[in-house]
Amino acid sequence: NVRPFAVDRTTGSRTAIGAAQVTDGAGRVDLDITG
């Protein structure tokens, strides 16, 4: 179960930028990101 975050390098804070998704049987995952 993986989830994408945006990171602020100055503060180290994270912001979720998409929902968590589970890798398929081949270990692949496609995450929908809001640019």
PDB file of all heavy atoms in Angstrom:
ATOM      1  N   ASN A   1       0.844  -1.187   0.000  1.00  0.00           N
ATOM      2  CA  ASN A   1       0.000   0.000   0.000  1.00  0.00           C
ATOM      3  C   ASN A   1       0.887   1.248   0.000  1.00  0.00           C
ATOM      4  O   ASN A   1       1.557   1.535   0.990  1.00  0.00           O
ATOM      5  CB  ASN A   1      -0.904  -0.025   1.240  1.00  0.00           C
ATOM      6  CG  ASN A   1      -2.111   0.862   1.072  1.00  0.00           C
ATOM      7  OD1 ASN A   1      -2.304   1.484   0.042  1.00  0.00           O
ATOM      8  ND2 ASN A   1      -2.925   0.936   2.110  1.00  0.00           N
ATOM      9  N   VAL A   2       0.915   1.997  -1.103  1.00  0.00           N
ATOM     10  CA  VAL A   2       1.786   3.167  -1.220  1.00  0.00           C
ATOM     11  C   VAL A   2       0.953   4.425  -1.402  1.00  0.00           C
ATOM     12  O   VAL A   2      -0.159   4.396  -1.943  1.00  0.00           O
ATOM     13  CB  VAL A   2       2.766   3.007  -2.401  1.00  0.00           C
ATOM     14  CG1 VAL A   2       3.719   1.856  -2.141  1.00  0.00           C
ATOM     15  CG2 VAL A   2       2.041   2.799  -3.708  1.00  0.00           C
ATOM     16  N   ARG A   3       1.544   5.546  -0.934  1.00  0.00           N
ATOM     17  CA  ARG A   3       0.826   6.824  -1.017  1.00  0.00           C
ATOM     18  C   ARG A   3       1.804   7.928  -1.393  1.00  0.00           C
ATOM     19  O   ARG A   3       2.925   7.961  -0.884  1.00  0.00           O
ATOM     20  CB  ARG A   3       0.172   7.157   0.323  1.00  0.00           C
ATOM     21  CG  ARG A   3      -0.750   8.372   0.259  1.00  0.00           C
ATOM     22  CD  ARG A   3      -1.526   8.555   1.541  1.00  0.00           C
ATOM     23  NE  ARG A   3      -2.520   9.611   1.429  1.00  0.00           N
ATOM     24  CZ  ARG A   3      -3.316  10.001   2.402  1.00  0.00           C
ATOM     25  NH1 ARG A   3      -3.245   9.405   3.587  1.00  0.00           N
ATOM     26  NH2 ARG A   3      -4.201  10.962   2.214  1.00  0.00           N
ATOM     27  N   PRO A   4       1.414   8.836  -2.281  1.00  0.00           N
ATOM     28  CA  PRO A   4       2.297   9.928  -2.702  1.00  0.00           C
ATOM     29  C   PRO A   4       2.141  11.165  -1.819  1.00  0.00           C
ATOM     30  O   PRO A   4       1.049  11.496  -1.363  1.00  0.00           O
ATOM     31  CB  PRO A   4       1.822  10.217  -4.133  1.00  0.00           C
ATOM     32  CG  PRO A   4       0.346   9.908  -4.086  1.00  0.00           C
ATOM     33  CD  PRO A   4       0.182   8.781  -3.104  1.00  0.00           C
ATOM     34  N   PHE A   5       3.261  11.859  -1.592  1.00  0.00           N
ATOM     35  CA  PHE A   5       3.284  13.096  -0.821  1.00  0.00           C
ATOM     36  C   PHE A   5       4.128  14.128  -1.553  1.00  0.00           C
ATOM     37  O   PHE A   5       5.089  13.788  -2.244  1.00  0.00           O
ATOM     38  CB  PHE A   5       3.895  12.874   0.563  1.00  0.00           C
ATOM     39  CG  PHE A   5       3.057  12.052   1.498  1.00  0.00           C
ATOM     40  CD1 PHE A   5       3.141  10.667   1.475  1.00  0.00           C
ATOM     41  CD2 PHE A   5       2.198  12.647   2.406  1.00  0.00           C
ATOM     42  CE1 PHE A   5       2.382   9.892   2.328  1.00  0.00           C
ATOM     43  CE2 PHE A   5       1.440  11.878   3.268  1.00  0.00           C
ATOM     44  CZ  PHE A   5       1.520  10.502   3.228  1.00  0.00           C
ATOM     45  N   ALA A   6       3.770  15.385  -1.370  1.00  0.00           N
ATOM     46  CA  ALA A   6       4.667  16.476  -1.731  1.00  0.00           C
ATOM     47  C   ALA A   6       5.495  16.802  -0.500  1.00  0.00           C
ATOM     48  O   ALA A   6       5.006  16.695   0.633  1.00  0.00           O
ATOM     49  CB  ALA A   6       3.871  17.698  -2.171  1.00  0.00           C
ATOM     50  N   VAL A   7       6.758  17.201  -0.693  1.00  0.00           N
ATOM     51  CA  VAL A   7       7.637  17.487   0.437  1.00  0.00           C
ATOM     52  C   VAL A   7       8.170  18.908   0.325  1.00  0.00           C
ATOM     53  O   VAL A   7       8.548  19.359  -0.748  1.00  0.00           O
ATOM     54  CB  VAL A   7       8.799  16.468   0.509  1.00  0.00           C
ATOM     55  CG1 VAL A   7       9.625  16.492  -0.752  1.00  0.00           C
ATOM     56  CG2 VAL A   7       9.677  16.742   1.721  1.00  0.00           C
ATOM     57  N   ASP A   8       8.161  19.595   1.453  1.00  0.00           N
ATOM     58  CA  ASP A   8       8.768  20.916   1.556  1.00  0.00           C
ATOM     59  C   ASP A   8      10.177  20.719   2.089  1.00  0.00           C
ATOM     60  O   ASP A   8      10.358  20.368   3.259  1.00  0.00           O
ATOM     61  CB  ASP A   8       7.947  21.811   2.500  1.00  0.00           C
ATOM     62  CG  ASP A   8       8.475  23.233   2.557  1.00  0.00           C
ATOM     63  OD1 ASP A   8       9.676  23.427   2.257  1.00  0.00           O
ATOM     64  OD2 ASP A   8       7.715  24.143   2.915  1.00  0.00           O
ATOM     65  N   ARG A   9      11.197  20.945   1.256  1.00  0.00           N
ATOM     66  CA  ARG A   9      12.570  20.651   1.652  1.00  0.00           C
ATOM     67  C   ARG A   9      13.063  21.587   2.758  1.00  0.00           C
ATOM     68  O   ARG A   9      13.994  21.249   3.479  1.00  0.00           O
ATOM     69  CB  ARG A   9      13.492  20.767   0.444  1.00  0.00           C
ATOM     70  CG  ARG A   9      13.235  19.735  -0.622  1.00  0.00           C
ATOM     71  CD  ARG A   9      13.679  18.366  -0.191  1.00  0.00           C
ATOM     72  NE  ARG A   9      15.124  18.235  -0.185  1.00  0.00           N
ATOM     73  CZ  ARG A   9      15.785  17.130   0.106  1.00  0.00           C
ATOM     74  NH1 ARG A   9      15.118  16.051   0.444  1.00  0.00           N
ATOM     75  NH2 ARG A   9      17.092  17.102   0.090  1.00  0.00           N
ATOM     76  N   THR A  10      12.459  22.735   2.905  1.00  0.00           N
ATOM     77  CA  THR A  10      12.916  23.674   3.937  1.00  0.00           C
ATOM     78  C   THR A  10      12.393  23.289   5.315  1.00  0.00           C
ATOM     79  O   THR A  10      13.083  23.449   6.315  1.00  0.00           O
ATOM     80  CB  THR A  10      12.468  25.104   3.598  1.00  0.00           C
ATOM     81  OG1 THR A  10      11.032  25.141   3.495  1.00  0.00           O
ATOM     82  CG2 THR A  10      13.080  25.543   2.271  1.00  0.00           C
ATOM     83  N   THR A  11      11.188  22.756   5.379  1.00  0.00           N
ATOM     84  CA  THR A  11      10.601  22.410   6.679  1.00  0.00           C
ATOM     85  C   THR A  11      10.506  20.907   6.899  1.00  0.00           C
ATOM     86  O   THR A  11      10.331  20.454   8.032  1.00  0.00           O
ATOM     87  CB  THR A  11       9.190  23.009   6.802  1.00  0.00           C
ATOM     88  OG1 THR A  11       8.344  22.401   5.807  1.00  0.00           O
ATOM     89  CG2 THR A  11       9.216  24.521   6.594  1.00  0.00           C
ATOM     90  N   GLY A  12      10.610  20.133   5.830  1.00  0.00           N
ATOM     91  CA  GLY A  12      10.462  18.687   5.937  1.00  0.00           C
ATOM     92  C   GLY A  12       9.020  18.225   6.022  1.00  0.00           C
ATOM     93  O   GLY A  12       8.760  17.035   6.205  1.00  0.00           O
ATOM     94  N   SER A  13       8.070  19.147   5.909  1.00  0.00           N
ATOM     95  CA  SER A  13       6.662  18.777   6.019  1.00  0.00           C
ATOM     96  C   SER A  13       6.178  18.093   4.743  1.00  0.00           C
ATOM     97  O   SER A  13       6.679  18.339   3.652  1.00  0.00           O
ATOM     98  CB  SER A  13       5.812  20.022   6.285  1.00  0.00           C
ATOM     99  OG  SER A  13       5.929  20.935   5.208  1.00  0.00           O
ATOM    100  N   ARG A  14       5.184  17.197   4.929  1.00  0.00           N
ATOM    101  CA  ARG A  14       4.618  16.459   3.809  1.00  0.00           C
ATOM    102  C   ARG A  14       3.162  16.862   3.605  1.00  0.00           C
ATOM    103  O   ARG A  14       2.457  17.152   4.554  1.00  0.00           O
ATOM    104  CB  ARG A  14       4.667  14.962   4.066  1.00  0.00           C
ATOM    105  CG  ARG A  14       6.041  14.387   4.311  1.00  0.00           C
ATOM    106  CD  ARG A  14       5.934  12.904   4.599  1.00  0.00           C
ATOM    107  NE  ARG A  14       7.195  12.308   4.991  1.00  0.00           N
ATOM    108  CZ  ARG A  14       7.353  11.039   5.320  1.00  0.00           C
ATOM    109  NH1 ARG A  14       6.299  10.222   5.310  1.00  0.00           N
ATOM    110  NH2 ARG A  14       8.531  10.575   5.673  1.00  0.00           N
ATOM    111  N   THR A  15       2.751  16.813   2.360  1.00  0.00           N
ATOM    112  CA  THR A  15       1.357  17.057   2.009  1.00  0.00           C
ATOM    113  C   THR A  15       0.894  15.944   1.091  1.00  0.00           C
ATOM    114  O   THR A  15       1.527  15.686   0.059  1.00  0.00           O
ATOM    115  CB  THR A  15       1.183  18.414   1.298  1.00  0.00           C
ATOM    116  OG1 THR A  15       1.695  19.454   2.125  1.00  0.00           O
ATOM    117  CG2 THR A  15      -0.284  18.658   0.980  1.00  0.00           C
ATOM    118  N   ALA A  16      -0.178  15.255   1.478  1.00  0.00           N
ATOM    119  CA  ALA A  16      -0.700  14.187   0.624  1.00  0.00           C
ATOM    120  C   ALA A  16      -1.171  14.782  -0.699  1.00  0.00           C
ATOM    121  O   ALA A  16      -1.861  15.799  -0.727  1.00  0.00           O
ATOM    122  CB  ALA A  16      -1.847  13.473   1.322  1.00  0.00           C
ATOM    123  N   ILE A  17      -0.796  14.152  -1.804  1.00  0.00           N
ATOM    124  CA  ILE A  17      -1.165  14.669  -3.128  1.00  0.00           C
ATOM    125  C   ILE A  17      -1.919  13.628  -3.941  1.00  0.00           C
ATOM    126  O   ILE A  17      -2.082  13.770  -5.151  1.00  0.00           O
ATOM    127  CB  ILE A  17       0.093  15.117  -3.908  1.00  0.00           C
ATOM    128  CG1 ILE A  17       1.115  13.984  -3.981  1.00  0.00           C
ATOM    129  CG2 ILE A  17       0.700  16.362  -3.280  1.00  0.00           C
ATOM    130  CD1 ILE A  17       2.314  14.306  -4.841  1.00  0.00           C
ATOM    131  N   GLY A  18      -2.374  12.588  -3.263  1.00  0.00           N
ATOM    132  CA  GLY A  18      -3.144  11.567  -3.950  1.00  0.00           C
ATOM    133  C   GLY A  18      -3.498  10.454  -2.989  1.00  0.00           C
ATOM    134  O   GLY A  18      -2.920  10.341  -1.902  1.00  0.00           O
ATOM    135  N   ALA A  19      -4.461   9.652  -3.376  1.00  0.00           N
ATOM    136  CA  ALA A  19      -4.904   8.554  -2.524  1.00  0.00           C
ATOM    137  C   ALA A  19      -3.920   7.397  -2.584  1.00  0.00           C
ATOM    138  O   ALA A  19      -3.178   7.230  -3.549  1.00  0.00           O
ATOM    139  CB  ALA A  19      -6.291   8.092  -2.968  1.00  0.00           C
ATOM    140  N   ALA A  20      -3.911   6.593  -1.527  1.00  0.00           N
ATOM    141  CA  ALA A  20      -3.060   5.402  -1.488  1.00  0.00           C
ATOM    142  C   ALA A  20      -3.581   4.378  -2.489  1.00  0.00           C
ATOM    143  O   ALA A  20      -4.786   4.257  -2.723  1.00  0.00           O
ATOM    144  CB  ALA A  20      -3.030   4.823  -0.086  1.00  0.00           C
ATOM    145  N   GLN A  21      -2.657   3.633  -3.069  1.00  0.00           N
ATOM    146  CA  GLN A  21      -2.992   2.566  -3.994  1.00  0.00           C
ATOM    147  C   GLN A  21      -2.152   1.334  -3.645  1.00  0.00           C
ATOM    148  O   GLN A  21      -1.076   1.449  -3.072  1.00  0.00           O
ATOM    149  CB  GLN A  21      -2.704   2.978  -5.439  1.00  0.00           C
ATOM    150  CG  GLN A  21      -3.574   4.132  -5.945  1.00  0.00           C
ATOM    151  CD  GLN A  21      -4.996   3.698  -6.240  1.00  0.00           C
ATOM    152  OE1 GLN A  21      -5.261   2.505  -6.404  1.00  0.00           O
ATOM    153  NE2 GLN A  21      -5.913   4.645  -6.302  1.00  0.00           N
ATOM    154  N   VAL A  22      -2.651   0.162  -4.006  1.00  0.00           N
ATOM    155  CA  VAL A  22      -1.955  -1.094  -3.712  1.00  0.00           C
ATOM    156  C   VAL A  22      -1.308  -1.609  -4.999  1.00  0.00           C
ATOM    157  O   VAL A  22      -1.937  -1.604  -6.060  1.00  0.00           O
ATOM    158  CB  VAL A  22      -2.932  -2.141  -3.141  1.00  0.00           C
ATOM    159  CG1 VAL A  22      -2.216  -3.466  -2.899  1.00  0.00           C
ATOM    160  CG2 VAL A  22      -3.561  -1.637  -1.851  1.00  0.00           C
ATOM    161  N   THR A  23      -0.051  -2.044  -4.897  1.00  0.00           N
ATOM    162  CA  THR A  23       0.628  -2.579  -6.072  1.00  0.00           C
ATOM    163  C   THR A  23      -0.093  -3.840  -6.557  1.00  0.00           C
ATOM    164  O   THR A  23      -0.627  -4.607  -5.766  1.00  0.00           O
ATOM    165  CB  THR A  23       2.095  -2.917  -5.759  1.00  0.00           C
ATOM    166  OG1 THR A  23       2.144  -3.844  -4.670  1.00  0.00           O
ATOM    167  CG2 THR A  23       2.875  -1.673  -5.390  1.00  0.00           C
ATOM    168  N   ASP A  24      -0.056  -4.039  -7.870  1.00  0.00           N
ATOM    169  CA  ASP A  24      -0.717  -5.212  -8.438  1.00  0.00           C
ATOM    170  C   ASP A  24       0.166  -6.452  -8.267  1.00  0.00           C
ATOM    171  O   ASP A  24       1.213  -6.408  -7.602  1.00  0.00           O
ATOM    172  CB  ASP A  24      -1.072  -4.967  -9.909  1.00  0.00           C
ATOM    173  CG  ASP A  24       0.165  -4.749 -10.785  1.00  0.00           C
ATOM    174  OD1 ASP A  24       1.286  -5.081 -10.344  1.00  0.00           O
ATOM    175  OD2 ASP A  24       0.002  -4.265 -11.923  1.00  0.00           O
ATOM    176  N   GLY A  25      -0.237  -7.552  -8.883  1.00  0.00           N
ATOM    177  CA  GLY A  25       0.504  -8.802  -8.729  1.00  0.00           C
ATOM    178  C   GLY A  25       1.905  -8.751  -9.288  1.00  0.00           C
ATOM    179  O   GLY A  25       2.748  -9.576  -8.940  1.00  0.00           O
ATOM    180  N   ALA A  26       2.186  -7.758 -10.165  1.00  0.00           N
ATOM    181  CA  ALA A  26       3.520  -7.605 -10.741  1.00  0.00           C
ATOM    182  C   ALA A  26       4.316  -6.513 -10.047  1.00  0.00           C
ATOM    183  O   ALA A  26       5.369  -6.103 -10.532  1.00  0.00           O
ATOM    184  CB  ALA A  26       3.416  -7.311 -12.230  1.00  0.00           C
ATOM    185  N   GLY A  27       3.800  -6.017  -8.906  1.00  0.00           N
ATOM    186  CA  GLY A  27       4.522  -5.000  -8.147  1.00  0.00           C
ATOM    187  C   GLY A  27       4.382  -3.584  -8.681  1.00  0.00           C
ATOM    188  O   GLY A  27       5.052  -2.666  -8.202  1.00  0.00           O
ATOM    189  N   ARG A  28       3.503  -3.373  -9.664  1.00  0.00           N
ATOM    190  CA  ARG A  28       3.355  -2.052 -10.280  1.00  0.00           C
ATOM    191  C   ARG A  28       2.207  -1.276  -9.638  1.00  0.00           C
ATOM    192  O   ARG A  28       1.243  -1.860  -9.143  1.00  0.00           O
ATOM    193  CB  ARG A  28       3.103  -2.185 -11.784  1.00  0.00           C
ATOM    194  CG  ARG A  28       4.231  -2.873 -12.517  1.00  0.00           C
ATOM    195  CD  ARG A  28       4.017  -2.866 -14.022  1.00  0.00           C
ATOM    196  NE  ARG A  28       5.074  -3.572 -14.708  1.00  0.00           N
ATOM    197  CZ  ARG A  28       6.266  -3.047 -15.006  1.00  0.00           C
ATOM    198  NH1 ARG A  28       6.515  -1.800 -14.677  1.00  0.00           N
ATOM    199  NH2 ARG A  28       7.189  -3.759 -15.624  1.00  0.00           N
ATOM    200  N   VAL A  29       2.341   0.052  -9.678  1.00  0.00           N
ATOM    201  CA  VAL A  29       1.278   0.901  -9.169  1.00  0.00           C
ATOM    202  C   VAL A  29       1.260   2.195  -9.975  1.00  0.00           C
ATOM    203  O   VAL A  29       2.306   2.715 -10.355  1.00  0.00           O
ATOM    204  CB  VAL A  29       1.472   1.207  -7.658  1.00  0.00           C
ATOM    205  CG1 VAL A  29       2.744   2.005  -7.414  1.00  0.00           C
ATOM    206  CG2 VAL A  29       0.253   1.926  -7.082  1.00  0.00           C
ATOM    207  N   ASP A  30       0.076   2.672 -10.310  1.00  0.00           N
ATOM    208  CA  ASP A  30      -0.130   3.964 -10.964  1.00  0.00           C
ATOM    209  C   ASP A  30      -0.928   4.839 -10.017  1.00  0.00           C
ATOM    210  O   ASP A  30      -2.046   4.490  -9.632  1.00  0.00           O
ATOM    211  CB  ASP A  30      -0.887   3.804 -12.285  1.00  0.00           C
ATOM    212  CG  ASP A  30      -0.036   3.166 -13.373  1.00  0.00           C
ATOM    213  OD1 ASP A  30       1.190   3.053 -13.155  1.00  0.00           O
ATOM    214  OD2 ASP A  30      -0.592   2.786 -14.422  1.00  0.00           O
ATOM    215  N   LEU A  31      -0.359   5.993  -9.653  1.00  0.00           N
ATOM    216  CA  LEU A  31      -0.990   6.897  -8.692  1.00  0.00           C
ATOM    217  C   LEU A  31      -1.468   8.157  -9.402  1.00  0.00           C
ATOM    218  O   LEU A  31      -0.710   8.771 -10.165  1.00  0.00           O
ATOM    219  CB  LEU A  31       0.008   7.270  -7.585  1.00  0.00           C
ATOM    220  CG  LEU A  31       0.525   6.094  -6.749  1.00  0.00           C
ATOM    221  CD1 LEU A  31       1.746   6.504  -5.961  1.00  0.00           C
ATOM    222  CD2 LEU A  31      -0.553   5.593  -5.817  1.00  0.00           C
ATOM    223  N   ASP A  32      -2.698   8.538  -9.151  1.00  0.00           N
ATOM    224  CA  ASP A  32      -3.230   9.785  -9.702  1.00  0.00           C
ATOM    225  C   ASP A  32      -2.763  10.948  -8.835  1.00  0.00           C
ATOM    226  O   ASP A  32      -3.038  10.998  -7.631  1.00  0.00           O
ATOM    227  CB  ASP A  32      -4.760   9.743  -9.736  1.00  0.00           C
ATOM    228  CG  ASP A  32      -5.275   8.694 -10.709  1.00  0.00           C
ATOM    229  OD1 ASP A  32      -4.631   8.512 -11.755  1.00  0.00           O
ATOM    230  OD2 ASP A  32      -6.295   8.046 -10.410  1.00  0.00           O
ATOM    231  N   ILE A  33      -2.028  11.907  -9.442  1.00  0.00           N
ATOM    232  CA  ILE A  33      -1.428  13.016  -8.732  1.00  0.00           C
ATOM    233  C   ILE A  33      -2.068  14.321  -9.195  1.00  0.00           C
ATOM    234  O   ILE A  33      -2.324  14.509 -10.390  1.00  0.00           O
ATOM    235  CB  ILE A  33       0.090  13.086  -8.994  1.00  0.00           C
ATOM    236  CG1 ILE A  33       0.752  11.759  -8.643  1.00  0.00           C
ATOM    237  CG2 ILE A  33       0.728  14.226  -8.199  1.00  0.00           C
ATOM    238  CD1 ILE A  33       0.642  11.365  -7.202  1.00  0.00           C
ATOM    239  N   THR A  34      -2.295  15.242  -8.246  1.00  0.00           N
ATOM    240  CA  THR A  34      -2.768  16.579  -8.585  1.00  0.00           C
ATOM    241  C   THR A  34      -1.571  17.507  -8.654  1.00  0.00           C
ATOM    242  O   THR A  34      -0.935  17.795  -7.633  1.00  0.00           O
ATOM    243  CB  THR A  34      -3.769  17.102  -7.541  1.00  0.00           C
ATOM    244  OG1 THR A  34      -4.834  16.172  -7.446  1.00  0.00           O
ATOM    245  CG2 THR A  34      -4.300  18.471  -7.931  1.00  0.00           C
ATOM    246  N   GLY A  35      -1.218  17.961  -9.862  1.00  0.00           N
ATOM    247  CA  GLY A  35      -0.004  18.740 -10.056  1.00  0.00           C
ATOM    248  C   GLY A  35       0.032  20.040  -9.292  1.00  0.00           C
ATOM    249  O   GLY A  35       1.072  20.446  -8.778  1.00  0.00           O
TER     250      GLY A  35
END
